[in-house]
Amino acid sequence: MVQSSLARLSNIRSRLIERMLMSEELMKAVVHDSTNFLEQPAVVDPEQYLYQRIFPIRHLPGKNVNEQKTVVSVSLENIQSVQREYKSGMICFNVYTHLSLCQSESELLRTDFIIRKIDELFHRSQDFGIERLEFEKLDVLKILNPNYYGDSITYRMLDFAK
């Protein structure tokens, strides 16, 4: 049975999240709040951080003014239909961190390290039932909460409905 296009999109989202949760260095940068996060122990049971630090939807952190954490969210955007099949669209990874957590010993900014790890995991990937992901853009996020900083990296999905 051929999987529907929308089910494939859901499957792609799940696989993106799974790959991020399995990346030891990415999870250390997201979960451990110290500047030397790479020297911290591996994150045990990374799945517990789903909907806490890793979100399969666009999510802005810091609704609570005192909340200090780093968050990565994934969104599928601008999905285009061609002959009733989804053929292209964008995968956007948004990385937010509290200003007090920006500093990193491995990069100038924690967000730089996380964006680099995301790019290593996904750039030109062919593991999601799509032909490939191509880098589209890197942007600074506009955030209403002045206590947070954020960057986004976006990839174009090419020819993923077969």
N, C-alpha and C. Protein backbone atom coordinates (compact mmCIF):
# COMPACT_ATOMS: atom_id res chain seq x y z
N MET A 1 0.84 -1.18 0.00
CA MET A 1 0.00 0.00 0.00
C MET A 1 0.89 1.25 0.00
N VAL A 2 0.59 2.20 -0.85
CA VAL A 2 1.34 3.44 -0.94
C VAL A 2 0.93 4.37 0.20
N GLN A 3 1.92 4.85 0.89
CA GLN A 3 1.67 5.76 2.00
C GLN A 3 1.21 7.11 1.46
N SER A 4 0.20 7.70 2.08
CA SER A 4 -0.29 9.00 1.61
C SER A 4 0.77 10.08 1.80
N SER A 5 0.65 11.14 1.01
CA SER A 5 1.63 12.23 1.07
C SER A 5 1.68 12.86 2.45
N LEU A 6 0.52 13.06 3.09
CA LEU A 6 0.52 13.66 4.42
C LEU A 6 1.15 12.73 5.45
N ALA A 7 0.92 11.43 5.31
CA ALA A 7 1.56 10.48 6.22
C ALA A 7 3.07 10.52 6.03
N ARG A 8 3.53 10.68 4.79
CA ARG A 8 4.96 10.79 4.54
C ARG A 8 5.54 12.03 5.21
N LEU A 9 4.78 13.13 5.18
CA LEU A 9 5.25 14.34 5.86
C LEU A 9 5.41 14.10 7.35
N SER A 10 4.43 13.44 7.94
CA SER A 10 4.51 13.12 9.37
C SER A 10 5.69 12.20 9.66
N ASN A 11 5.93 11.26 8.78
CA ASN A 11 7.07 10.35 8.93
C ASN A 11 8.39 11.11 8.83
N ILE A 12 8.48 12.05 7.91
CA ILE A 12 9.69 12.87 7.77
C ILE A 12 9.94 13.64 9.05
N ARG A 13 8.90 14.26 9.59
CA ARG A 13 9.04 15.02 10.85
C ARG A 13 9.55 14.11 11.97
N SER A 14 8.97 12.93 12.09
CA SER A 14 9.39 11.98 13.14
C SER A 14 10.85 11.59 12.98
N ARG A 15 11.26 11.35 11.77
CA ARG A 15 12.65 10.93 11.53
C ARG A 15 13.63 12.07 11.79
N LEU A 16 13.24 13.30 11.48
CA LEU A 16 14.09 14.46 11.79
C LEU A 16 14.31 14.57 13.30
N ILE A 17 13.22 14.47 14.06
CA ILE A 17 13.30 14.57 15.52
C ILE A 17 14.14 13.43 16.07
N GLU A 18 13.92 12.22 15.58
CA GLU A 18 14.67 11.05 16.05
C GLU A 18 16.17 11.24 15.84
N ARG A 19 16.54 11.74 14.67
CA ARG A 19 17.97 11.95 14.39
C ARG A 19 18.56 12.99 15.34
N MET A 20 17.82 14.07 15.63
CA MET A 20 18.33 15.07 16.57
C MET A 20 18.49 14.48 17.96
N LEU A 21 17.50 13.73 18.42
CA LEU A 21 17.56 13.13 19.76
C LEU A 21 18.73 12.16 19.89
N MET A 22 19.14 11.53 18.78
CA MET A 22 20.23 10.55 18.82
C MET A 22 21.61 11.18 18.67
N SER A 23 21.66 12.48 18.40
CA SER A 23 22.95 13.16 18.26
C SER A 23 23.46 13.55 19.65
N GLU A 24 24.49 12.87 20.10
CA GLU A 24 25.01 13.09 21.45
C GLU A 24 25.47 14.53 21.66
N GLU A 25 26.24 15.08 20.74
CA GLU A 25 26.75 16.44 20.92
C GLU A 25 25.64 17.48 20.84
N LEU A 26 24.71 17.31 19.93
CA LEU A 26 23.61 18.26 19.82
C LEU A 26 22.80 18.25 21.11
N MET A 27 22.50 17.07 21.64
CA MET A 27 21.71 16.99 22.87
C MET A 27 22.46 17.57 24.06
N LYS A 28 23.76 17.38 24.12
CA LYS A 28 24.54 18.01 25.20
C LYS A 28 24.40 19.53 25.14
N ALA A 29 24.49 20.10 23.93
CA ALA A 29 24.40 21.56 23.78
C ALA A 29 23.02 22.09 24.13
N VAL A 30 21.99 21.29 23.89
CA VAL A 30 20.63 21.72 24.16
C VAL A 30 20.27 21.54 25.63
N VAL A 31 20.72 20.46 26.24
CA VAL A 31 20.28 20.11 27.60
C VAL A 31 21.18 20.70 28.69
N HIS A 32 22.50 20.61 28.51
CA HIS A 32 23.42 21.08 29.55
C HIS A 32 23.61 22.60 29.41
N ASP A 33 23.36 23.31 30.47
CA ASP A 33 23.38 24.77 30.44
C ASP A 33 24.76 25.39 30.66
N SER A 34 25.76 24.59 30.98
CA SER A 34 27.10 25.13 31.23
C SER A 34 27.79 25.48 29.91
N THR A 35 28.80 26.36 29.97
CA THR A 35 29.54 26.74 28.76
C THR A 35 30.38 25.59 28.22
N ASN A 36 30.74 24.64 29.09
CA ASN A 36 31.52 23.48 28.67
C ASN A 36 30.62 22.26 28.46
N PHE A 37 29.50 22.44 27.80
CA PHE A 37 28.50 21.38 27.64
C PHE A 37 29.06 20.12 27.00
N LEU A 38 30.08 20.23 26.14
CA LEU A 38 30.64 19.03 25.51
C LEU A 38 31.40 18.16 26.50
N GLU A 39 31.85 18.73 27.59
CA GLU A 39 32.55 17.97 28.62
C GLU A 39 31.59 17.31 29.60
N GLN A 40 30.31 17.58 29.49
CA GLN A 40 29.29 17.01 30.38
C GLN A 40 28.96 15.58 29.92
N PRO A 41 28.38 14.78 30.82
CA PRO A 41 28.02 13.41 30.43
C PRO A 41 26.97 13.40 29.32
N ALA A 42 26.94 12.30 28.60
CA ALA A 42 25.93 12.12 27.55
C ALA A 42 24.54 12.20 28.18
N VAL A 43 23.60 12.71 27.42
CA VAL A 43 22.22 12.83 27.89
C VAL A 43 21.60 11.45 27.92
N VAL A 44 21.17 11.04 29.10
CA VAL A 44 20.51 9.76 29.27
C VAL A 44 19.04 9.94 28.92
N ASP A 45 18.51 9.03 28.14
CA ASP A 45 17.11 9.06 27.73
C ASP A 45 16.74 10.39 27.06
N PRO A 46 17.33 10.67 25.90
CA PRO A 46 17.05 11.96 25.24
C PRO A 46 15.58 12.16 24.89
N GLU A 47 14.81 11.07 24.74
CA GLU A 47 13.39 11.19 24.40
C GLU A 47 12.61 11.97 25.46
N GLN A 48 13.12 12.00 26.70
CA GLN A 48 12.41 12.75 27.74
C GLN A 48 12.42 14.25 27.47
N TYR A 49 13.27 14.72 26.56
CA TYR A 49 13.35 16.14 26.26
C TYR A 49 12.46 16.57 25.09
N LEU A 50 11.75 15.60 24.50
CA LEU A 50 10.78 15.93 23.48
C LEU A 50 9.66 16.72 24.13
N TYR A 51 9.32 17.83 23.58
CA TYR A 51 8.35 18.80 24.10
C TYR A 51 8.85 19.51 25.36
N GLN A 52 10.13 19.33 25.70
CA GLN A 52 10.76 20.09 26.78
C GLN A 52 11.86 21.00 26.21
N ARG A 53 12.69 20.41 25.35
CA ARG A 53 13.79 21.15 24.72
C ARG A 53 13.82 20.96 23.20
N ILE A 54 13.28 19.86 22.71
CA ILE A 54 13.20 19.57 21.28
C ILE A 54 11.72 19.49 20.92
N PHE A 55 11.30 20.32 19.98
CA PHE A 55 9.88 20.40 19.64
C PHE A 55 9.65 20.08 18.16
N PRO A 56 8.66 19.24 17.85
CA PRO A 56 8.34 18.93 16.45
C PRO A 56 7.42 19.97 15.82
N ILE A 57 7.27 21.10 16.48
CA ILE A 57 6.47 22.23 16.00
C ILE A 57 7.25 23.51 16.27
N ARG A 58 6.88 24.58 15.61
CA ARG A 58 7.52 25.86 15.91
C ARG A 58 7.11 26.25 17.33
N HIS A 59 8.09 26.45 18.18
CA HIS A 59 7.83 26.74 19.60
C HIS A 59 8.78 27.83 20.07
N LEU A 60 8.24 28.83 20.72
CA LEU A 60 9.04 29.90 21.29
C LEU A 60 9.18 29.68 22.79
N PRO A 61 10.40 29.63 23.31
CA PRO A 61 10.59 29.42 24.74
C PRO A 61 10.41 30.70 25.54
N GLY A 62 10.41 30.55 26.84
CA GLY A 62 10.51 31.69 27.72
C GLY A 62 9.22 32.42 28.01
N LYS A 63 8.09 31.73 27.97
CA LYS A 63 6.84 32.37 28.36
C LYS A 63 6.92 32.79 29.83
N ASN A 64 7.56 31.93 30.60
CA ASN A 64 7.85 32.26 32.00
C ASN A 64 9.12 33.12 31.98
N VAL A 65 9.04 34.32 32.51
CA VAL A 65 10.15 35.28 32.46
C VAL A 65 11.43 34.70 33.07
N ASN A 66 11.31 33.85 34.07
CA ASN A 66 12.49 33.30 34.74
C ASN A 66 13.04 32.04 34.06
N GLU A 67 12.37 31.54 33.05
CA GLU A 67 12.78 30.32 32.37
C GLU A 67 14.06 30.57 31.59
N GLN A 68 15.08 29.73 31.83
CA GLN A 68 16.35 29.85 31.13
C GLN A 68 16.69 28.49 30.55
N LYS A 69 16.59 28.37 29.24
CA LYS A 69 16.93 27.11 28.60
C LYS A 69 17.21 27.34 27.13
N THR A 70 17.62 26.27 26.47
CA THR A 70 17.86 26.25 25.04
C THR A 70 16.83 25.32 24.42
N VAL A 71 16.28 25.73 23.28
CA VAL A 71 15.21 24.98 22.62
C VAL A 71 15.50 24.90 21.12
N VAL A 72 15.21 23.73 20.54
CA VAL A 72 15.27 23.56 19.09
C VAL A 72 13.88 23.12 18.64
N SER A 73 13.33 23.80 17.64
CA SER A 73 12.04 23.39 17.09
C SER A 73 12.18 23.15 15.60
N VAL A 74 11.33 22.26 15.09
CA VAL A 74 11.34 21.89 13.67
C VAL A 74 9.98 22.17 13.09
N SER A 75 9.94 22.79 11.93
CA SER A 75 8.66 22.98 11.25
C SER A 75 8.82 22.67 9.77
N LEU A 76 7.77 22.08 9.20
CA LEU A 76 7.69 21.84 7.76
C LEU A 76 6.87 22.98 7.19
N GLU A 77 7.41 23.68 6.21
CA GLU A 77 6.79 24.91 5.75
C GLU A 77 6.75 24.96 4.22
N ASN A 78 5.80 25.74 3.72
CA ASN A 78 5.69 26.03 2.30
C ASN A 78 5.71 24.77 1.43
N ILE A 79 4.95 23.77 1.83
CA ILE A 79 4.86 22.52 1.08
C ILE A 79 4.07 22.79 -0.20
N GLN A 80 4.67 22.43 -1.33
CA GLN A 80 4.07 22.70 -2.63
C GLN A 80 3.51 21.42 -3.24
N SER A 81 2.34 21.51 -3.81
CA SER A 81 1.68 20.38 -4.44
C SER A 81 1.90 20.43 -5.95
N VAL A 82 2.29 19.29 -6.48
CA VAL A 82 2.44 19.16 -7.93
C VAL A 82 1.71 17.88 -8.33
N GLN A 83 0.69 18.01 -9.15
CA GLN A 83 -0.12 16.88 -9.59
C GLN A 83 -0.60 16.05 -8.41
N ARG A 84 -1.12 16.72 -7.41
CA ARG A 84 -1.69 16.13 -6.20
C ARG A 84 -0.67 15.35 -5.36
N GLU A 85 0.59 15.55 -5.60
CA GLU A 85 1.65 14.95 -4.79
C GLU A 85 2.49 16.08 -4.24
N TYR A 86 2.94 15.95 -2.98
CA TYR A 86 3.80 16.97 -2.39
C TYR A 86 5.21 16.75 -2.93
N LYS A 87 5.75 17.77 -3.57
CA LYS A 87 7.03 17.65 -4.24
C LYS A 87 8.15 18.47 -3.61
N SER A 88 7.83 19.57 -3.00
CA SER A 88 8.90 20.39 -2.43
C SER A 88 8.35 21.17 -1.25
N GLY A 89 9.26 21.67 -0.47
CA GLY A 89 8.89 22.46 0.70
C GLY A 89 10.14 22.78 1.49
N MET A 90 9.94 23.33 2.67
CA MET A 90 11.05 23.74 3.52
C MET A 90 11.00 23.01 4.86
N ILE A 91 12.17 22.70 5.36
CA ILE A 91 12.31 22.23 6.74
C ILE A 91 13.09 23.32 7.46
N CYS A 92 12.48 23.86 8.51
CA CYS A 92 13.08 24.97 9.24
C CYS A 92 13.41 24.52 10.67
N PHE A 93 14.66 24.68 11.06
CA PHE A 93 15.10 24.39 12.41
C PHE A 93 15.33 25.73 13.10
N ASN A 94 14.61 25.97 14.18
CA ASN A 94 14.73 27.21 14.95
C ASN A 94 15.44 26.90 16.26
N VAL A 95 16.48 27.64 16.55
CA VAL A 95 17.29 27.43 17.75
C VAL A 95 17.20 28.69 18.59
N TYR A 96 16.70 28.53 19.81
CA TYR A 96 16.55 29.65 20.75
C TYR A 96 17.35 29.34 22.01
N THR A 97 17.99 30.35 22.55
CA THR A 97 18.65 30.16 23.83
C THR A 97 18.53 31.44 24.66
N HIS A 98 18.45 31.24 25.96
CA HIS A 98 18.40 32.38 26.88
C HIS A 98 19.74 33.11 26.78
N LEU A 99 19.72 34.42 26.88
CA LEU A 99 20.95 35.20 26.75
C LEU A 99 22.04 34.77 27.72
N SER A 100 21.66 34.32 28.90
CA SER A 100 22.64 33.86 29.88
C SER A 100 23.31 32.55 29.47
N LEU A 101 22.76 31.87 28.45
CA LEU A 101 23.30 30.58 28.01
C LEU A 101 23.98 30.66 26.65
N CYS A 102 24.09 31.85 26.09
CA CYS A 102 24.66 31.99 24.74
C CYS A 102 26.13 31.58 24.66
N GLN A 103 26.88 31.87 25.70
CA GLN A 103 28.32 31.62 25.67
C GLN A 103 28.61 30.13 25.62
N SER A 104 29.65 29.78 24.85
CA SER A 104 30.05 28.39 24.67
C SER A 104 31.56 28.32 24.60
N GLU A 105 32.14 27.25 25.14
CA GLU A 105 33.58 27.07 25.04
C GLU A 105 34.00 26.51 23.68
N SER A 106 33.07 25.88 22.96
CA SER A 106 33.42 25.25 21.69
C SER A 106 33.18 26.15 20.48
N GLU A 107 32.33 27.15 20.59
CA GLU A 107 32.05 28.13 19.54
C GLU A 107 31.82 29.45 20.25
N LEU A 108 31.75 30.52 19.52
CA LEU A 108 31.47 31.81 20.14
C LEU A 108 30.08 31.81 20.77
N LEU A 109 29.11 31.24 20.06
CA LEU A 109 27.73 31.17 20.56
C LEU A 109 27.24 29.72 20.60
N ARG A 110 26.45 29.40 21.59
CA ARG A 110 25.81 28.07 21.68
C ARG A 110 24.96 27.82 20.44
N THR A 111 24.25 28.85 19.99
CA THR A 111 23.40 28.68 18.80
C THR A 111 24.24 28.34 17.56
N ASP A 112 25.44 28.92 17.44
CA ASP A 112 26.33 28.58 16.32
C ASP A 112 26.67 27.10 16.33
N PHE A 113 27.01 26.59 17.51
CA PHE A 113 27.37 25.17 17.63
C PHE A 113 26.18 24.29 17.23
N ILE A 114 24.99 24.60 17.74
CA ILE A 114 23.81 23.79 17.46
C ILE A 114 23.45 23.85 15.97
N ILE A 115 23.51 25.03 15.37
CA ILE A 115 23.23 25.17 13.94
C ILE A 115 24.24 24.34 13.13
N ARG A 116 25.50 24.37 13.52
CA ARG A 116 26.52 23.58 12.82
C ARG A 116 26.23 22.09 12.93
N LYS A 117 25.81 21.64 14.12
CA LYS A 117 25.48 20.23 14.30
C LYS A 117 24.26 19.84 13.47
N ILE A 118 23.26 20.70 13.43
CA ILE A 118 22.09 20.42 12.60
C ILE A 118 22.50 20.30 11.14
N ASP A 119 23.37 21.21 10.69
CA ASP A 119 23.82 21.15 9.30
C ASP A 119 24.59 19.86 9.03
N GLU A 120 25.42 19.42 9.95
CA GLU A 120 26.14 18.16 9.78
C GLU A 120 25.18 16.98 9.68
N LEU A 121 24.10 17.03 10.45
CA LEU A 121 23.13 15.94 10.45
C LEU A 121 22.28 15.89 9.19
N PHE A 122 21.96 17.05 8.62
CA PHE A 122 20.91 17.08 7.60
C PHE A 122 21.32 17.59 6.22
N HIS A 123 22.39 18.35 6.09
CA HIS A 123 22.74 18.91 4.78
C HIS A 123 22.95 17.80 3.75
N ARG A 124 22.22 17.89 2.66
CA ARG A 124 22.28 16.94 1.55
C ARG A 124 21.89 15.52 1.96
N SER A 125 21.18 15.39 3.05
CA SER A 125 20.73 14.09 3.51
C SER A 125 19.74 13.47 2.54
N GLN A 126 19.78 12.16 2.42
CA GLN A 126 18.84 11.42 1.58
C GLN A 126 18.15 10.33 2.40
N ASP A 127 18.07 10.49 3.69
CA ASP A 127 17.59 9.44 4.58
C ASP A 127 16.12 9.57 4.98
N PHE A 128 15.36 10.43 4.35
CA PHE A 128 14.02 10.71 4.85
C PHE A 128 12.93 10.42 3.82
N GLY A 129 13.24 9.62 2.82
CA GLY A 129 12.25 9.36 1.79
C GLY A 129 12.11 10.52 0.83
N ILE A 130 13.11 11.38 0.82
CA ILE A 130 13.14 12.50 -0.11
C ILE A 130 14.45 12.42 -0.86
N GLU A 131 14.48 13.01 -2.03
CA GLU A 131 15.70 12.92 -2.82
C GLU A 131 16.88 13.55 -2.10
N ARG A 132 16.68 14.76 -1.58
CA ARG A 132 17.74 15.39 -0.79
C ARG A 132 17.25 16.67 -0.14
N LEU A 133 18.02 17.13 0.83
CA LEU A 133 17.82 18.43 1.47
C LEU A 133 18.94 19.33 1.00
N GLU A 134 18.59 20.54 0.61
CA GLU A 134 19.60 21.52 0.22
C GLU A 134 19.48 22.74 1.11
N PHE A 135 20.62 23.25 1.53
CA PHE A 135 20.64 24.47 2.33
C PHE A 135 19.92 25.58 1.59
N GLU A 136 19.04 26.27 2.29
CA GLU A 136 18.29 27.39 1.70
C GLU A 136 18.75 28.72 2.29
N LYS A 137 18.73 28.81 3.66
CA LYS A 137 19.13 30.08 4.27
C LYS A 137 19.39 29.90 5.76
N LEU A 138 20.10 30.89 6.30
CA LEU A 138 20.37 31.00 7.73
C LEU A 138 19.93 32.40 8.13
N ASP A 139 19.10 32.49 9.17
CA ASP A 139 18.55 33.78 9.58
C ASP A 139 18.60 33.94 11.09
N VAL A 140 18.61 35.20 11.51
CA VAL A 140 18.41 35.54 12.91
C VAL A 140 16.90 35.59 13.14
N LEU A 141 16.44 35.03 14.24
CA LEU A 141 15.01 35.02 14.55
C LEU A 141 14.62 36.28 15.30
N LYS A 142 13.46 36.79 14.98
CA LYS A 142 12.90 37.91 15.74
C LYS A 142 12.10 37.32 16.88
N ILE A 143 12.46 37.67 18.11
CA ILE A 143 11.83 37.09 19.29
C ILE A 143 11.30 38.23 20.15
N LEU A 144 10.07 38.10 20.57
CA LEU A 144 9.45 39.14 21.41
C LEU A 144 10.04 39.17 22.81
N ASN A 145 10.46 38.02 23.31
CA ASN A 145 11.05 37.96 24.64
C ASN A 145 12.49 38.47 24.56
N PRO A 146 12.81 39.60 25.19
CA PRO A 146 14.15 40.18 25.08
C PRO A 146 15.23 39.37 25.80
N ASN A 147 14.84 38.33 26.53
CA ASN A 147 15.82 37.50 27.24
C ASN A 147 16.36 36.36 26.39
N TYR A 148 15.87 36.22 25.16
CA TYR A 148 16.26 35.11 24.28
C TYR A 148 16.86 35.61 22.98
N TYR A 149 17.75 34.78 22.45
CA TYR A 149 18.34 35.00 21.13
C TYR A 149 18.04 33.75 20.30
N GLY A 150 17.91 33.91 18.99
CA GLY A 150 17.64 32.75 18.16
C GLY A 150 18.13 32.88 16.74
N ASP A 151 18.46 31.72 16.16
CA ASP A 151 18.84 31.60 14.76
C ASP A 151 18.00 30.50 14.14
N SER A 152 17.83 30.55 12.83
CA SER A 152 17.16 29.46 12.13
C SER A 152 17.98 29.05 10.93
N ILE A 153 17.93 27.77 10.62
CA ILE A 153 18.54 27.25 9.40
C ILE A 153 17.44 26.51 8.65
N THR A 154 17.34 26.80 7.36
CA THR A 154 16.26 26.26 6.55
C THR A 154 16.84 25.47 5.38
N TYR A 155 16.22 24.32 5.12
CA TYR A 155 16.59 23.48 4.00
C TYR A 155 15.40 23.32 3.07
N ARG A 156 15.67 23.22 1.79
CA ARG A 156 14.64 22.94 0.80
C ARG A 156 14.61 21.42 0.59
N MET A 157 13.40 20.86 0.71
CA MET A 157 13.19 19.44 0.40
C MET A 157 12.93 19.35 -1.10
N LEU A 158 13.63 18.48 -1.76
CA LEU A 158 13.48 18.35 -3.21
C LEU A 158 12.95 16.97 -3.58
N ASP A 159 11.89 16.94 -4.36
CA ASP A 159 11.39 15.73 -5.00
C ASP A 159 11.15 14.59 -4.03
N PHE A 160 10.34 14.85 -2.98
CA PHE A 160 10.19 13.81 -1.96
C PHE A 160 8.92 13.00 -2.08
N ALA A 161 8.14 13.16 -3.10
CA ALA A 161 6.97 12.31 -3.30
C ALA A 161 7.24 11.42 -4.49
N LYS A 162 7.24 10.15 -4.25
CA LYS A 162 7.55 9.19 -5.33
C LYS A 162 6.36 8.30 -5.54
